[in-house]
Amino acid sequence: MTKVSKQTSITLENLIPAIKDAILPEINKKFAEIDLQFSKVSKQFKSVRSDLAAVVHKVNDLNEKVDDIAESIKYLPTTEIYLASQDKLMGELKKSEEAATITTQHYIDTSDRIDKIDNYLNFNSNIM
């Protein structure tokens, strides 16, 4: 008895289902891995986006504070104006000290004179 082998002719139509059966599970597995990676990246992106929003909010708060400080600073005198006013103030203080010294000396002189007159007249003016 001779063996008769049943050979099917190889055609493109016969190969397509075999290729699908062999390759499709592998392709689906790779797509599942890609989908999982995409999901992880998407979660990380959302986290970064949230963090970025928080950073933007903080930067806006800082900008407002800087603007407030800038608004306050613009009313302060410049260094030249401040130093000029301090020079003027120190000049007035010096004049005031000189006047106080002169007045004190005048008081001492007058008090000594009154004491001499009191001694001469035998009168005590401190009683009044």
N, C-alpha and C. Protein backbone atom coordinates (compact mmCIF):
# COMPACT_ATOMS: atom_id res chain seq x y z
N MET A 1 0.80 -1.14 0.00
CA MET A 1 0.00 0.00 0.00
C MET A 1 0.86 1.24 0.00
N THR A 2 0.50 2.05 -0.75
CA THR A 2 1.21 3.31 -0.87
C THR A 2 0.47 4.40 -0.11
N LYS A 3 1.29 5.13 0.43
CA LYS A 3 0.71 6.25 1.18
C LYS A 3 0.42 7.38 0.24
N VAL A 4 -0.68 7.87 0.43
CA VAL A 4 -1.05 9.02 -0.36
C VAL A 4 -1.15 10.18 0.61
N SER A 5 -0.34 11.08 0.41
CA SER A 5 -0.39 12.23 1.31
C SER A 5 -1.31 13.28 0.73
N LYS A 6 -1.99 13.74 1.62
CA LYS A 6 -2.94 14.76 1.22
C LYS A 6 -2.25 16.10 1.36
N GLN A 7 -1.90 16.67 0.31
CA GLN A 7 -1.23 17.96 0.34
C GLN A 7 -2.21 19.03 -0.10
N THR A 8 -2.17 20.05 0.67
CA THR A 8 -3.01 21.18 0.28
C THR A 8 -2.11 22.18 -0.41
N SER A 9 -2.66 22.77 -1.32
CA SER A 9 -1.85 23.75 -2.03
C SER A 9 -1.72 25.01 -1.17
N ILE A 10 -0.53 25.52 -1.16
CA ILE A 10 -0.27 26.71 -0.36
C ILE A 10 -0.66 27.92 -1.19
N THR A 11 -1.65 28.57 -0.66
CA THR A 11 -2.11 29.79 -1.30
C THR A 11 -2.16 30.88 -0.24
N LEU A 12 -2.29 32.09 -0.68
CA LEU A 12 -2.38 33.23 0.22
C LEU A 12 -3.61 33.12 1.09
N GLU A 13 -4.66 32.62 0.53
CA GLU A 13 -5.90 32.48 1.29
C GLU A 13 -5.75 31.45 2.39
N ASN A 14 -4.93 30.44 2.18
CA ASN A 14 -4.71 29.44 3.21
C ASN A 14 -3.73 29.94 4.28
N LEU A 15 -2.82 30.80 3.91
CA LEU A 15 -1.82 31.29 4.85
C LEU A 15 -2.35 32.36 5.79
N ILE A 16 -3.28 33.16 5.35
CA ILE A 16 -3.78 34.28 6.17
C ILE A 16 -4.34 33.80 7.50
N PRO A 17 -5.22 32.79 7.56
CA PRO A 17 -5.70 32.35 8.87
C PRO A 17 -4.58 31.81 9.74
N ALA A 18 -3.62 31.11 9.16
CA ALA A 18 -2.52 30.57 9.95
C ALA A 18 -1.65 31.70 10.51
N ILE A 19 -1.41 32.70 9.69
CA ILE A 19 -0.62 33.85 10.15
C ILE A 19 -1.38 34.60 11.23
N LYS A 20 -2.67 34.76 11.04
CA LYS A 20 -3.49 35.44 12.05
C LYS A 20 -3.42 34.70 13.37
N ASP A 21 -3.56 33.37 13.30
CA ASP A 21 -3.54 32.57 14.53
C ASP A 21 -2.17 32.63 15.21
N ALA A 22 -1.12 32.75 14.45
CA ALA A 22 0.23 32.75 15.01
C ALA A 22 0.64 34.14 15.49
N ILE A 23 0.30 35.16 14.78
CA ILE A 23 0.79 36.50 15.08
C ILE A 23 -0.18 37.33 15.92
N LEU A 24 -1.45 37.16 15.72
CA LEU A 24 -2.44 38.00 16.38
C LEU A 24 -2.34 37.97 17.90
N PRO A 25 -2.18 36.82 18.56
CA PRO A 25 -2.04 36.85 20.02
C PRO A 25 -0.82 37.66 20.46
N GLU A 26 0.26 37.56 19.72
CA GLU A 26 1.47 38.31 20.05
C GLU A 26 1.24 39.81 19.87
N ILE A 27 0.55 40.18 18.80
CA ILE A 27 0.22 41.59 18.56
C ILE A 27 -0.70 42.12 19.65
N ASN A 28 -1.71 41.33 20.03
CA ASN A 28 -2.63 41.75 21.09
C ASN A 28 -1.88 41.92 22.42
N LYS A 29 -0.93 41.01 22.68
CA LYS A 29 -0.13 41.10 23.91
C LYS A 29 0.68 42.39 23.90
N LYS A 30 1.30 42.71 22.78
CA LYS A 30 2.10 43.94 22.68
C LYS A 30 1.22 45.18 22.83
N PHE A 31 0.03 45.15 22.22
CA PHE A 31 -0.90 46.28 22.37
C PHE A 31 -1.35 46.43 23.82
N ALA A 32 -1.56 45.31 24.52
CA ALA A 32 -1.95 45.36 25.93
C ALA A 32 -0.82 45.99 26.75
N GLU A 33 0.43 45.62 26.44
CA GLU A 33 1.57 46.21 27.14
C GLU A 33 1.66 47.71 26.85
N ILE A 34 1.47 48.07 25.60
CA ILE A 34 1.50 49.48 25.22
C ILE A 34 0.38 50.24 25.92
N ASP A 35 -0.81 49.64 25.99
CA ASP A 35 -1.95 50.27 26.66
C ASP A 35 -1.65 50.47 28.15
N LEU A 36 -1.03 49.45 28.78
CA LEU A 36 -0.67 49.56 30.19
C LEU A 36 0.35 50.68 30.40
N GLN A 37 1.36 50.74 29.55
CA GLN A 37 2.36 51.80 29.65
C GLN A 37 1.73 53.17 29.42
N PHE A 38 0.84 53.25 28.46
CA PHE A 38 0.14 54.50 28.18
C PHE A 38 -0.69 54.93 29.39
N SER A 39 -1.33 53.97 30.04
CA SER A 39 -2.13 54.26 31.23
C SER A 39 -1.24 54.81 32.34
N LYS A 40 -0.07 54.19 32.53
CA LYS A 40 0.86 54.67 33.56
C LYS A 40 1.35 56.09 33.24
N VAL A 41 1.71 56.30 31.99
CA VAL A 41 2.18 57.62 31.57
C VAL A 41 1.07 58.65 31.74
N SER A 42 -0.15 58.26 31.44
CA SER A 42 -1.29 59.17 31.58
C SER A 42 -1.48 59.56 33.05
N LYS A 43 -1.34 58.59 33.97
CA LYS A 43 -1.46 58.90 35.40
C LYS A 43 -0.34 59.83 35.84
N GLN A 44 0.87 59.55 35.36
CA GLN A 44 2.00 60.41 35.71
C GLN A 44 1.80 61.82 35.15
N PHE A 45 1.28 61.90 33.95
CA PHE A 45 1.02 63.20 33.34
C PHE A 45 0.00 63.98 34.16
N LYS A 46 -1.05 63.29 34.62
CA LYS A 46 -2.07 63.96 35.44
C LYS A 46 -1.45 64.45 36.75
N SER A 47 -0.56 63.64 37.33
CA SER A 47 0.10 64.03 38.57
C SER A 47 0.99 65.26 38.34
N VAL A 48 1.75 65.22 37.26
CA VAL A 48 2.63 66.35 36.93
C VAL A 48 1.80 67.59 36.63
N ARG A 49 0.70 67.39 35.95
CA ARG A 49 -0.19 68.51 35.62
C ARG A 49 -0.74 69.15 36.90
N SER A 50 -1.12 68.29 37.86
CA SER A 50 -1.62 68.80 39.14
C SER A 50 -0.52 69.56 39.88
N ASP A 51 0.69 68.97 39.90
CA ASP A 51 1.81 69.64 40.55
C ASP A 51 2.12 70.97 39.87
N LEU A 52 2.08 70.98 38.57
CA LEU A 52 2.34 72.20 37.81
C LEU A 52 1.29 73.27 38.12
N ALA A 53 0.05 72.85 38.26
CA ALA A 53 -1.01 73.81 38.60
C ALA A 53 -0.74 74.41 39.98
N ALA A 54 -0.28 73.57 40.92
CA ALA A 54 0.05 74.07 42.26
C ALA A 54 1.21 75.06 42.19
N VAL A 55 2.21 74.74 41.37
CA VAL A 55 3.36 75.64 41.23
C VAL A 55 2.92 76.97 40.60
N VAL A 56 2.09 76.90 39.60
CA VAL A 56 1.59 78.12 38.95
C VAL A 56 0.82 78.97 39.96
N HIS A 57 0.02 78.32 40.80
CA HIS A 57 -0.74 79.04 41.82
C HIS A 57 0.21 79.74 42.80
N LYS A 58 1.25 79.03 43.23
CA LYS A 58 2.22 79.63 44.15
C LYS A 58 2.97 80.79 43.48
N VAL A 59 3.33 80.62 42.23
CA VAL A 59 4.02 81.70 41.50
C VAL A 59 3.11 82.92 41.40
N ASN A 60 1.83 82.70 41.13
CA ASN A 60 0.89 83.83 41.06
C ASN A 60 0.78 84.53 42.41
N ASP A 61 0.75 83.74 43.51
CA ASP A 61 0.72 84.34 44.85
C ASP A 61 1.97 85.18 45.09
N LEU A 62 3.12 84.63 44.71
CA LEU A 62 4.37 85.38 44.88
C LEU A 62 4.38 86.65 44.04
N ASN A 63 3.87 86.57 42.83
CA ASN A 63 3.81 87.76 41.98
C ASN A 63 2.93 88.83 42.61
N GLU A 64 1.82 88.42 43.21
CA GLU A 64 0.95 89.39 43.88
C GLU A 64 1.68 90.04 45.05
N LYS A 65 2.42 89.23 45.82
CA LYS A 65 3.15 89.78 46.95
C LYS A 65 4.25 90.74 46.48
N VAL A 66 4.93 90.37 45.42
CA VAL A 66 5.97 91.25 44.86
C VAL A 66 5.34 92.55 44.38
N ASP A 67 4.18 92.45 43.75
CA ASP A 67 3.49 93.67 43.30
C ASP A 67 3.11 94.54 44.48
N ASP A 68 2.62 93.91 45.57
CA ASP A 68 2.27 94.67 46.77
C ASP A 68 3.49 95.36 47.35
N ILE A 69 4.60 94.63 47.40
CA ILE A 69 5.83 95.22 47.94
C ILE A 69 6.30 96.37 47.04
N ALA A 70 6.24 96.15 45.74
CA ALA A 70 6.65 97.21 44.81
C ALA A 70 5.76 98.44 44.98
N GLU A 71 4.47 98.22 45.19
CA GLU A 71 3.53 99.33 45.41
C GLU A 71 3.90 100.09 46.68
N SER A 72 4.25 99.35 47.74
CA SER A 72 4.63 99.98 49.00
C SER A 72 5.96 100.71 48.89
N ILE A 73 6.89 100.11 48.19
CA ILE A 73 8.23 100.69 48.09
C ILE A 73 8.23 102.00 47.30
N LYS A 74 7.33 102.12 46.36
CA LYS A 74 7.37 103.33 45.53
C LYS A 74 7.09 104.60 46.33
N TYR A 75 6.51 104.47 47.53
CA TYR A 75 6.26 105.63 48.38
C TYR A 75 7.45 105.96 49.29
N LEU A 76 8.43 105.07 49.35
CA LEU A 76 9.61 105.32 50.17
C LEU A 76 10.51 106.32 49.46
N PRO A 77 11.22 107.14 50.25
CA PRO A 77 12.11 108.11 49.61
C PRO A 77 13.34 107.40 49.03
N THR A 78 13.94 108.05 48.07
CA THR A 78 15.17 107.51 47.51
C THR A 78 16.28 107.69 48.54
N THR A 79 17.40 107.05 48.31
CA THR A 79 18.52 107.15 49.25
C THR A 79 18.98 108.60 49.38
N GLU A 80 19.04 109.30 48.27
CA GLU A 80 19.50 110.69 48.31
C GLU A 80 18.55 111.56 49.13
N ILE A 81 17.26 111.39 48.90
CA ILE A 81 16.27 112.18 49.65
C ILE A 81 16.33 111.84 51.13
N TYR A 82 16.46 110.54 51.44
CA TYR A 82 16.52 110.12 52.84
C TYR A 82 17.75 110.71 53.52
N LEU A 83 18.91 110.60 52.87
CA LEU A 83 20.13 111.13 53.48
C LEU A 83 20.07 112.64 53.62
N ALA A 84 19.47 113.32 52.67
CA ALA A 84 19.33 114.78 52.77
C ALA A 84 18.45 115.14 53.96
N SER A 85 17.36 114.41 54.14
CA SER A 85 16.48 114.70 55.28
C SER A 85 17.17 114.39 56.61
N GLN A 86 18.01 113.34 56.63
CA GLN A 86 18.74 113.02 57.85
C GLN A 86 19.79 114.10 58.15
N ASP A 87 20.44 114.60 57.11
CA ASP A 87 21.40 115.69 57.30
C ASP A 87 20.71 116.92 57.88
N LYS A 88 19.55 117.24 57.34
CA LYS A 88 18.78 118.39 57.82
C LYS A 88 18.38 118.18 59.28
N LEU A 89 17.93 116.96 59.59
CA LEU A 89 17.51 116.64 60.96
C LEU A 89 18.69 116.73 61.92
N MET A 90 19.85 116.23 61.51
CA MET A 90 21.03 116.30 62.37
C MET A 90 21.46 117.75 62.57
N GLY A 91 21.32 118.58 61.54
CA GLY A 91 21.64 120.01 61.68
C GLY A 91 20.71 120.66 62.70
N GLU A 92 19.43 120.34 62.63
CA GLU A 92 18.48 120.90 63.59
C GLU A 92 18.76 120.41 65.00
N LEU A 93 19.16 119.15 65.13
CA LEU A 93 19.49 118.60 66.44
C LEU A 93 20.71 119.30 67.02
N LYS A 94 21.70 119.54 66.18
CA LYS A 94 22.91 120.24 66.63
C LYS A 94 22.57 121.66 67.10
N LYS A 95 21.72 122.35 66.33
CA LYS A 95 21.29 123.70 66.72
C LYS A 95 20.55 123.66 68.05
N SER A 96 19.70 122.65 68.21
CA SER A 96 18.92 122.51 69.44
C SER A 96 19.85 122.25 70.63
N GLU A 97 20.87 121.41 70.43
CA GLU A 97 21.83 121.15 71.51
C GLU A 97 22.61 122.41 71.86
N GLU A 98 23.00 123.17 70.84
CA GLU A 98 23.71 124.42 71.09
C GLU A 98 22.83 125.40 71.87
N ALA A 99 21.55 125.47 71.48
CA ALA A 99 20.61 126.36 72.18
C ALA A 99 20.43 125.90 73.62
N ALA A 100 20.36 124.58 73.82
CA ALA A 100 20.20 124.07 75.18
C ALA A 100 21.44 124.38 76.01
N THR A 101 22.61 124.25 75.41
CA THR A 101 23.85 124.56 76.12
C THR A 101 23.90 126.04 76.49
N ILE A 102 23.55 126.90 75.55
CA ILE A 102 23.53 128.34 75.82
C ILE A 102 22.52 128.67 76.90
N THR A 103 21.33 128.08 76.80
CA THR A 103 20.28 128.34 77.80
C THR A 103 20.71 127.85 79.17
N THR A 104 21.34 126.67 79.22
CA THR A 104 21.80 126.14 80.50
C THR A 104 22.86 127.06 81.10
N GLN A 105 23.79 127.49 80.29
CA GLN A 105 24.84 128.40 80.78
C GLN A 105 24.22 129.72 81.24
N HIS A 106 23.25 130.21 80.50
CA HIS A 106 22.56 131.45 80.89
C HIS A 106 21.84 131.25 82.22
N TYR A 107 21.22 130.10 82.41
CA TYR A 107 20.52 129.79 83.67
C TYR A 107 21.51 129.75 84.82
N ILE A 108 22.65 129.09 84.59
CA ILE A 108 23.67 129.00 85.65
C ILE A 108 24.19 130.39 86.01
N ASP A 109 24.47 131.18 84.99
CA ASP A 109 24.96 132.54 85.23
C ASP A 109 23.93 133.36 86.00
N THR A 110 22.68 133.27 85.58
CA THR A 110 21.61 134.02 86.24
C THR A 110 21.42 133.53 87.67
N SER A 111 21.45 132.23 87.85
CA SER A 111 21.27 131.67 89.18
C SER A 111 22.40 132.11 90.11
N ASP A 112 23.63 132.09 89.61
CA ASP A 112 24.77 132.56 90.42
C ASP A 112 24.60 134.03 90.78
N ARG A 113 24.14 134.81 89.85
CA ARG A 113 23.94 136.24 90.08
C ARG A 113 22.88 136.47 91.15
N ILE A 114 21.78 135.70 91.03
CA ILE A 114 20.71 135.85 92.02
C ILE A 114 21.22 135.44 93.39
N ASP A 115 22.01 134.37 93.46
CA ASP A 115 22.57 133.94 94.75
C ASP A 115 23.46 135.03 95.35
N LYS A 116 24.27 135.68 94.54
CA LYS A 116 25.14 136.75 95.02
C LYS A 116 24.32 137.92 95.56
N ILE A 117 23.25 138.26 94.79
CA ILE A 117 22.38 139.36 95.23
C ILE A 117 21.69 138.99 96.53
N ASP A 118 21.22 137.72 96.62
CA ASP A 118 20.57 137.26 97.86
C ASP A 118 21.53 137.33 99.04
N ASN A 119 22.74 136.92 98.82
CA ASN A 119 23.74 136.96 99.91
C ASN A 119 24.03 138.42 100.31
N TYR A 120 24.10 139.27 99.34
CA TYR A 120 24.38 140.67 99.62
C TYR A 120 23.24 141.31 100.41
N LEU A 121 21.99 140.95 100.03
CA LEU A 121 20.83 141.53 100.69
C LEU A 121 20.38 140.72 101.90
N ASN A 122 21.03 139.63 102.15
CA ASN A 122 20.61 138.70 103.20
C ASN A 122 19.16 138.30 103.02
N PHE A 123 18.85 137.89 101.81
CA PHE A 123 17.49 137.52 101.46
C PHE A 123 17.54 136.13 100.82
N ASN A 124 16.56 135.27 101.13
CA ASN A 124 16.52 133.93 100.54
C ASN A 124 15.38 133.88 99.53
N SER A 125 15.71 133.89 98.25
CA SER A 125 14.68 133.90 97.21
C SER A 125 14.14 132.49 96.93
N ASN A 126 14.75 131.47 97.50
CA ASN A 126 14.29 130.09 97.28
C ASN A 126 13.04 129.77 98.08
N ILE A 127 12.67 130.60 99.00
CA ILE A 127 11.49 130.36 99.83
C ILE A 127 10.22 130.48 99.01
N MET A 128 10.20 131.37 98.09
CA MET A 128 9.00 131.61 97.30
C MET A 128 8.74 130.49 96.44
